[in-house]
Protein backbone atom coordinates (compact mmCIF):
# COMPACT_ATOMS: atom_id res chain seq x y z
CA MET A 1 122.69 113.57 -98.48
CA ASP A 2 125.42 112.76 -100.98
CA VAL A 3 126.85 109.27 -101.18
CA CYS A 4 130.44 109.28 -99.96
CA ARG A 5 133.50 107.10 -99.46
CA ILE A 6 134.66 106.78 -95.87
CA ALA A 7 137.52 105.41 -93.81
CA LEU A 8 137.43 104.51 -90.13
CA VAL A 9 140.73 104.63 -88.26
CA GLY A 10 140.52 102.60 -85.05
CA ALA A 11 138.00 100.13 -86.45
CA THR A 12 138.86 97.33 -84.03
CA GLY A 13 138.56 99.41 -80.84
CA ALA A 14 135.59 99.78 -78.49
CA VAL A 15 134.29 102.94 -80.16
CA GLY A 16 135.09 101.57 -83.62
CA GLY A 17 132.91 98.52 -83.08
CA VAL A 18 129.96 100.65 -81.97
CA PHE A 19 130.59 103.06 -84.85
CA LEU A 20 130.19 100.28 -87.42
CA LYS A 21 126.94 99.15 -85.83
CA ILE A 22 125.51 102.68 -85.84
CA LEU A 23 126.71 103.22 -89.40
CA GLU A 24 124.25 100.54 -90.44
CA GLU A 25 121.49 101.65 -88.08
CA ARG A 26 121.53 105.21 -89.45
CA HIS A 27 121.78 104.06 -93.07
CA PHE A 28 124.77 106.33 -93.51
CA PRO A 29 125.27 106.97 -97.26
CA ALA A 30 128.65 105.26 -97.65
CA SER A 31 129.36 103.84 -101.08
CA ASP A 32 132.75 102.50 -99.97
CA ILE A 33 134.06 101.72 -96.49
CA ARG A 34 137.73 101.35 -95.61
CA LEU A 35 138.68 100.02 -92.19
CA CYS A 36 142.03 100.84 -90.61
CA ALA A 37 143.76 99.82 -87.41
CA SER A 38 147.19 99.12 -85.96
CA LYS A 39 149.56 96.69 -87.67
CA ARG A 40 148.58 93.82 -85.38
CA SER A 41 144.98 94.02 -86.66
CA VAL A 42 145.79 94.39 -90.37
CA GLY A 43 144.24 91.52 -92.31
CA LYS A 44 141.45 90.94 -89.83
CA LYS A 45 137.98 90.81 -91.37
CA LEU A 46 135.02 92.74 -89.94
CA LYS A 47 131.43 92.37 -91.08
CA VAL A 48 129.88 95.70 -92.03
CA MET A 49 126.49 96.16 -93.68
CA GLY A 50 126.31 92.49 -94.57
CA ARG A 51 129.75 92.17 -96.10
CA GLU A 52 133.22 91.37 -94.86
CA ILE A 53 135.82 94.12 -95.05
CA VAL A 54 139.52 93.54 -94.53
CA VAL A 55 141.28 95.84 -92.06
CA GLU A 56 144.07 97.84 -93.67
CA GLU A 57 146.94 99.99 -92.54
CA VAL A 58 146.53 103.75 -92.94
CA THR A 59 148.47 105.07 -95.93
CA PRO A 60 148.50 108.40 -97.78
CA ARG A 61 147.11 106.61 -100.82
CA LEU A 62 144.14 105.23 -98.86
CA LEU A 63 143.41 108.66 -97.36
CA GLY A 64 143.42 110.09 -100.86
CA GLU A 65 140.77 107.61 -101.99
CA VAL A 66 138.05 108.58 -99.49
CA ASP A 67 135.91 111.65 -98.84
CA ILE A 68 135.54 111.43 -95.04
CA VAL A 69 137.95 110.01 -92.46
CA PHE A 70 136.67 109.13 -89.00
CA ILE A 71 139.37 108.73 -86.35
CA ALA A 72 138.44 106.72 -83.25
CA ALA A 73 141.91 106.15 -81.89
CA GLY A 74 144.23 107.92 -79.48
CA ALA A 75 145.45 111.49 -79.77
CA SER A 76 148.88 110.43 -81.04
CA VAL A 77 147.25 108.64 -83.99
CA SER A 78 145.04 111.64 -84.73
CA LEU A 79 147.97 114.05 -84.67
CA GLU A 80 149.68 111.94 -87.32
CA VAL A 81 146.74 110.89 -89.49
CA ALA A 82 144.40 113.91 -89.48
CA PRO A 83 146.76 116.47 -91.09
CA LEU A 84 147.81 113.87 -93.65
CA ALA A 85 144.18 113.14 -94.51
CA VAL A 86 143.43 116.86 -94.93
CA LYS A 87 146.46 117.19 -97.17
CA GLN A 88 145.05 114.38 -99.30
CA GLY A 89 141.76 116.28 -99.60
CA ALA A 90 139.63 114.38 -97.08
CA PHE A 91 137.28 115.76 -94.43
CA VAL A 92 138.22 114.53 -90.94
CA VAL A 93 135.96 113.88 -87.96
CA ASP A 94 138.21 113.24 -84.96
CA LYS A 95 137.04 111.73 -81.67
CA SER A 96 140.32 112.17 -79.78
CA SER A 97 141.43 115.11 -77.68
CA ALA A 98 144.16 116.05 -80.17
CA PHE A 99 142.48 119.08 -81.77
CA ARG A 100 139.59 119.93 -79.45
CA MET A 101 141.08 123.13 -78.09
CA ASP A 102 142.74 124.19 -81.35
CA PRO A 103 141.15 127.56 -82.22
CA ASP A 104 141.12 126.59 -85.90
CA VAL A 105 139.21 123.33 -85.30
CA PRO A 106 135.46 123.40 -84.54
CA LEU A 107 134.42 121.31 -81.53
CA VAL A 108 130.90 120.17 -82.30
CA VAL A 109 127.77 118.58 -80.90
CA PRO A 110 125.42 119.06 -83.88
CA GLU A 111 122.26 119.74 -81.83
CA VAL A 112 124.15 122.39 -79.87
CA ASN A 113 126.52 124.18 -82.27
CA GLY A 114 126.14 122.58 -85.68
CA ASP A 115 126.72 125.94 -87.38
CA ASP A 116 130.37 125.80 -86.26
CA ILE A 117 131.05 123.08 -88.83
CA ALA A 118 130.95 125.75 -91.52
CA ASP A 119 134.23 127.17 -90.15
CA HIS A 120 136.20 123.95 -90.54
CA LYS A 121 139.59 123.83 -92.24
CA GLY A 122 139.45 120.11 -92.88
CA ILE A 123 139.06 118.82 -89.32
CA VAL A 124 136.10 118.82 -86.94
CA SER A 125 136.51 117.49 -83.40
CA ALA A 126 133.96 115.65 -81.29
CA PRO A 127 134.04 116.45 -77.56
CA ASN A 128 134.80 114.23 -74.61
CA CYS A 129 132.09 111.70 -73.71
CA SER A 130 131.39 113.46 -70.40
CA THR A 131 131.17 116.93 -71.98
CA THR A 132 128.60 115.95 -74.61
CA PRO A 133 125.62 115.20 -72.33
CA LEU A 134 126.36 118.29 -70.24
CA VAL A 135 126.21 120.71 -73.17
CA MET A 136 123.10 118.92 -74.48
CA VAL A 137 121.20 120.17 -71.42
CA LEU A 138 122.96 123.49 -70.92
CA LYS A 139 122.25 124.66 -74.47
CA PRO A 140 118.42 124.71 -74.21
CA LEU A 141 118.38 125.77 -70.56
CA ARG A 142 120.37 128.90 -71.37
CA GLU A 143 117.29 130.07 -73.27
CA LEU A 144 115.43 130.22 -69.95
CA SER A 145 118.14 132.24 -68.22
CA PRO A 146 121.89 132.72 -68.65
CA VAL A 147 123.95 130.11 -66.80
CA ARG A 148 126.46 131.51 -64.31
CA ARG A 149 127.89 128.40 -62.68
CA VAL A 150 127.86 124.62 -63.06
CA VAL A 151 129.04 122.02 -60.56
CA VAL A 152 129.12 118.54 -62.11
CA ASP A 153 130.16 115.19 -60.66
CA THR A 154 130.49 112.36 -63.16
CA TYR A 155 130.20 108.62 -62.64
CA GLN A 156 131.93 107.20 -65.71
CA SER A 157 131.83 103.63 -66.98
CA VAL A 158 134.93 101.57 -67.68
CA SER A 159 134.21 101.42 -71.43
CA GLY A 160 135.43 105.00 -71.51
CA SER A 161 138.90 103.54 -71.00
CA GLY A 162 138.58 100.96 -73.77
CA ALA A 163 137.94 97.27 -74.25
CA GLU A 164 140.79 96.23 -71.94
CA ALA A 165 139.20 98.03 -68.99
CA VAL A 166 135.84 96.38 -69.68
CA GLU A 167 137.48 92.96 -69.61
CA GLU A 168 139.38 93.84 -66.45
CA LEU A 169 136.16 94.73 -64.65
CA ARG A 170 134.59 91.48 -65.80
CA VAL A 171 137.54 89.39 -64.63
CA GLN A 172 137.92 91.21 -61.31
CA SER A 173 134.22 90.90 -60.56
CA GLY A 174 134.26 87.20 -61.30
CA ARG A 175 137.33 86.71 -59.16
CA LEU A 176 135.79 88.51 -56.20
CA MET A 177 132.48 86.68 -56.56
CA GLY A 178 134.31 83.35 -56.68
CA GLU A 179 133.12 82.45 -60.17
CA TRP A 180 136.58 81.30 -61.18
CA ASP A 181 139.23 79.45 -59.24
CA LYS A 182 142.09 81.64 -58.21
CA THR A 183 145.54 80.95 -59.62
CA PRO A 184 148.40 79.90 -57.34
CA ASP A 185 149.80 83.44 -57.57
CA ASP A 186 146.61 85.12 -56.37
CA PRO A 187 146.80 86.28 -52.75
CA PRO A 188 143.94 85.34 -50.41
CA LEU A 189 140.98 87.73 -50.23
CA VAL A 190 139.81 88.83 -46.80
CA ASN A 191 136.30 90.20 -46.24
CA GLY A 192 135.92 91.35 -49.84
CA ASP A 193 139.20 93.28 -49.79
CA THR A 194 140.01 94.05 -53.45
CA ARG A 195 143.57 95.19 -52.87
CA GLY A 196 144.98 91.79 -53.75
CA VAL A 197 143.26 91.67 -57.15
CA ARG A 198 145.41 92.19 -60.21
CA HIS A 199 144.83 95.48 -62.03
CA ASP A 200 146.40 96.93 -65.17
CA ALA A 201 143.88 99.39 -66.61
CA TYR A 202 143.74 101.56 -63.48
CA PRO A 203 146.01 102.31 -60.51
CA HIS A 204 143.62 100.34 -58.26
CA PRO A 205 141.04 97.57 -58.79
CA ILE A 206 137.77 98.90 -60.21
CA ALA A 207 135.46 96.01 -59.28
CA PHE A 208 133.29 96.92 -56.25
CA ASN A 209 135.24 100.17 -56.07
CA THR A 210 135.20 103.79 -57.28
CA LEU A 211 138.19 105.83 -58.39
CA PRO A 212 137.99 109.63 -58.06
CA HIS A 213 140.66 109.92 -60.71
CA ILE A 214 140.31 109.95 -64.51
CA GLU A 215 143.51 110.82 -66.37
CA GLU A 216 146.44 112.67 -64.84
CA PHE A 217 146.24 115.37 -62.17
CA TRP A 218 147.04 119.01 -62.89
CA ASP A 219 148.88 121.25 -60.43
CA ASN A 220 145.54 122.85 -59.52
CA GLY A 221 144.28 119.53 -58.11
CA TYR A 222 141.86 118.83 -60.95
CA THR A 223 142.36 115.95 -63.38
CA ASN A 224 142.74 116.28 -67.12
CA GLU A 225 139.24 114.84 -67.60
CA GLU A 226 137.81 117.51 -65.32
CA MET A 227 139.63 120.29 -67.14
CA LYS A 228 138.32 118.93 -70.45
CA MET A 229 134.79 119.44 -69.19
CA LEU A 230 135.56 123.04 -68.27
CA ASN A 231 137.37 124.03 -71.45
CA GLU A 232 135.28 122.06 -73.93
CA THR A 233 131.97 123.24 -72.51
CA ARG A 234 133.04 126.87 -72.76
CA LYS A 235 134.23 126.41 -76.34
CA ILE A 236 131.10 124.61 -77.53
CA LEU A 237 128.77 127.15 -75.91
CA HIS A 238 130.94 130.11 -76.94
CA ASP A 239 130.95 131.41 -73.39
CA ASP A 240 134.14 131.74 -71.34
CA ARG A 241 132.21 133.33 -68.48
CA ILE A 242 130.54 130.13 -67.26
CA ALA A 243 132.14 128.97 -64.01
CA ILE A 244 132.50 125.18 -64.05
CA SER A 245 133.83 122.79 -61.44
CA ALA A 246 133.92 119.04 -62.13
CA THR A 247 134.82 115.90 -60.21
CA CYS A 248 135.15 112.87 -62.47
CA VAL A 249 134.86 109.40 -60.96
CA ARG A 250 135.37 105.98 -62.56
CA VAL A 251 132.73 103.48 -61.42
CA PRO A 252 132.29 99.71 -61.94
CA VAL A 253 129.73 100.05 -64.73
CA MET A 254 130.32 98.59 -68.18
CA VAL A 255 128.59 101.22 -70.37
CA SER A 256 127.03 104.68 -69.88
CA HIS A 257 128.25 107.72 -68.00
CA SER A 258 126.12 109.41 -65.33
CA GLU A 259 126.37 112.98 -64.08
CA ALA A 260 125.00 114.87 -61.08
CA VAL A 261 124.63 118.47 -62.27
CA HIS A 262 123.95 121.63 -60.26
CA ILE A 263 123.25 124.73 -62.36
CA GLU A 264 123.13 128.32 -61.11
CA PHE A 265 121.12 130.66 -63.35
CA GLU A 266 120.97 134.46 -63.37
CA ARG A 267 117.33 134.34 -62.32
CA PRO A 268 115.13 131.70 -60.69
CA VAL A 269 114.04 128.87 -63.00
CA SER A 270 111.39 126.34 -61.98
CA PRO A 271 111.75 122.56 -62.33
CA ASP A 272 108.62 122.54 -64.54
CA GLU A 273 110.24 125.05 -66.90
CA VAL A 274 113.33 122.85 -67.06
CA ARG A 275 111.31 119.71 -67.78
CA GLU A 276 109.30 121.40 -70.52
CA THR A 277 112.38 122.93 -72.16
CA LEU A 278 114.44 119.75 -72.10
CA SER A 279 111.54 117.60 -73.31
CA SER A 280 111.37 119.60 -76.55
CA PHE A 281 115.12 119.59 -77.27
CA PRO A 282 116.31 117.06 -79.89
CA GLY A 283 118.29 114.19 -78.43
CA VAL A 284 117.19 114.74 -74.82
CA CYS A 285 114.68 112.48 -73.04
CA VAL A 286 113.21 113.46 -69.68
CA VAL A 287 112.68 110.47 -67.35
CA ASP A 288 111.57 112.06 -64.12
CA GLU A 289 109.11 110.33 -61.80
CA PRO A 290 111.31 109.72 -58.74
CA LYS A 291 108.41 108.90 -56.41
CA SER A 292 107.72 105.91 -58.65
CA ASN A 293 111.44 105.06 -58.76
CA VAL A 294 111.61 106.24 -62.36
CA TYR A 295 114.85 108.02 -63.21
CA PRO A 296 117.73 107.54 -65.69
CA MET A 297 120.05 104.61 -65.07
CA PRO A 298 123.11 103.36 -66.99
CA VAL A 299 121.49 100.01 -67.81
CA ASP A 300 118.59 101.78 -69.51
CA ALA A 301 120.72 104.28 -71.44
CA ALA A 302 123.10 101.65 -72.83
CA GLY A 303 122.51 101.10 -76.52
CA LYS A 304 120.53 104.34 -76.96
CA ASP A 305 121.51 107.72 -78.42
CA GLU A 306 119.50 110.04 -76.18
CA VAL A 307 120.73 111.95 -73.15
CA PHE A 308 118.37 110.93 -70.35
CA VAL A 309 117.55 113.48 -67.64
CA GLY A 310 115.81 113.03 -64.30
CA ARG A 311 115.81 114.00 -60.60
CA ILE A 312 115.06 117.57 -61.73
CA ARG A 313 114.57 119.72 -58.65
CA ARG A 314 115.32 123.07 -57.08
CA ASP A 315 118.79 123.31 -55.60
CA MET A 316 118.14 124.01 -51.91
CA SER A 317 121.53 125.71 -51.57
CA HIS A 318 120.84 128.54 -54.04
CA PRO A 319 117.68 130.52 -54.94
CA ASN A 320 118.56 130.42 -58.65
CA GLY A 321 119.75 126.81 -58.67
CA ILE A 322 118.50 123.61 -60.33
CA ALA A 323 119.86 120.11 -59.68
CA MET A 324 119.48 117.15 -62.02
CA TRP A 325 120.83 113.73 -63.00
CA LEU A 326 122.01 112.82 -66.53
CA VAL A 327 122.82 109.46 -68.11
CA SER A 328 124.19 108.84 -71.61
CA ASP A 329 125.75 105.92 -73.49
CA ASN A 330 129.36 107.07 -73.73
CA LEU A 331 130.14 104.86 -76.73
CA ARG A 332 127.18 106.13 -78.77
CA LYS A 333 126.20 109.80 -78.27
CA GLY A 334 129.39 110.29 -76.30
CA ALA A 335 131.48 109.08 -79.22
CA ALA A 336 130.36 107.19 -82.35
CA THR A 337 126.88 108.64 -82.87
CA ASN A 338 128.06 112.21 -82.43
CA ALA A 339 130.87 111.65 -84.96
CA LEU A 340 128.41 110.32 -87.54
CA GLN A 341 126.04 113.21 -86.85
CA ILE A 342 128.88 115.65 -87.54
CA ALA A 343 129.52 113.98 -90.89
CA GLU A 344 125.81 113.94 -91.74
CA GLU A 345 125.55 117.64 -90.94
CA ALA A 346 128.60 118.40 -93.10
CA LEU A 347 127.08 116.42 -95.97
CA ARG A 348 123.72 118.22 -95.64
CA ARG A 349 125.44 121.60 -95.66
CA GLY A 350 127.73 120.76 -98.57
CA LEU A 351 130.84 121.16 -96.42
CA VAL A 352 132.76 118.02 -97.42
CA PRO A 353 135.51 119.36 -99.73
CA ARG A 354 135.45 116.63 -102.38
CA LEU A 355 131.64 116.67 -102.58
CA LYS A 356 131.01 120.43 -102.63
CA ASP A 357 130.22 120.53 -106.32
CA SER A 358 127.47 117.93 -105.97
CA ALA A 359 126.06 119.01 -102.57
CA VAL A 360 122.31 119.48 -102.28
CA GLY A 361 121.32 121.93 -99.57
C-alpha cells in the first residue's frame, strides 16, 4: 500500500481514541498524521505511534494537505467537513450517518461489499455499529440460500453513545452499589430503585436497567437506530427485498454490542452448514459450544475485531429458519477498524485521488 497523509476529525472522542490505537496495531502506512477536534480540545497533545501530536482545528488548508480524512464525529460535523475535504482533493471515510443513504456515497463493510468503493465520488461511509455485524453474517449465509426475512434484537453497550455515557454508567453503578457517599441533593434509594439517580445521557438511568429506545422514534413505532439497520443492510447487500424488523435496546455494558438474530431462508439450511460457512468467512469467529457454556459474550469481544457468533440452532418457529447470537466490539469493527479497512482497501485498489498515479494494484 502507498504511504499517505491522513487527518482524523474527532480525535478526542471515544471512537477517535480507539482509532489511534488501531492505527498503530495495523501499521497503517501514514507518513503524516493530523488530529482535529472541537475548539475546546485544540492544543491538547495525544500520543500516536510513539510521538506527541497537537490537536488542531479543521481548516480548508489542513484538508488540502492530506490524502485521506477520517471523520469520527457527529453527522453535523461530517456534513460540513466532508464536502470541503473532497473539494480540497482528499478522500473521505465517514463514520457518521450523514451520507449513508446518499445514493452517490458507497456504504461499505470491506469483507462484504468492498467492490463498492470503486464507485466513490470522494466520500465512503461506514455503517452503523449494529448493522456491521449483521451484514457480516448475512453476506456468506446468502450463498447457502437467499434470505427472505430477518428479525434482530440488539443489546447495545453505552459506549455507542460516547464517552459521557460510559462515565454515567460507571457513576450510576457506583452510586447504587454504595461505593461513593451520596451528595446532600441525592434522594434516598429504596430497594435498588434507580429512579432517583441522576441521568443526562439517556432519558432514564442505565445502571441495572435496559432501555428499549435508541435514538428518536418514527411515526411507525420504530426508532431511528432500528430503521438504520433496515435501510443500511439493504443498501450494503444490494437487496431491497429482504424483510427486516429490529428492536434496539441499550444495556448496562461498557463495550460491545450483542444481537439475537432470526433468519428465514428460501430453503431449509442446517446449523452445521451455517457453522461451516461462517467459520470460513473473513472476520467472523464461531464460538458455539453452549452445552459447555461457551458462547460469545461482550467481555470477550471487547478489544477484538472479529464478529463472534454462537447459539446457532434451528428456529423452531419456521422450517427454513436459523437463530443465532452475535457479539462485536462496537468501537472497533463497528467503527474504527472498519473505517481503516475501507481506507486500506481504497489504497490497495488505487482509489485515493491524490495517490492514483503511484498506486500499485
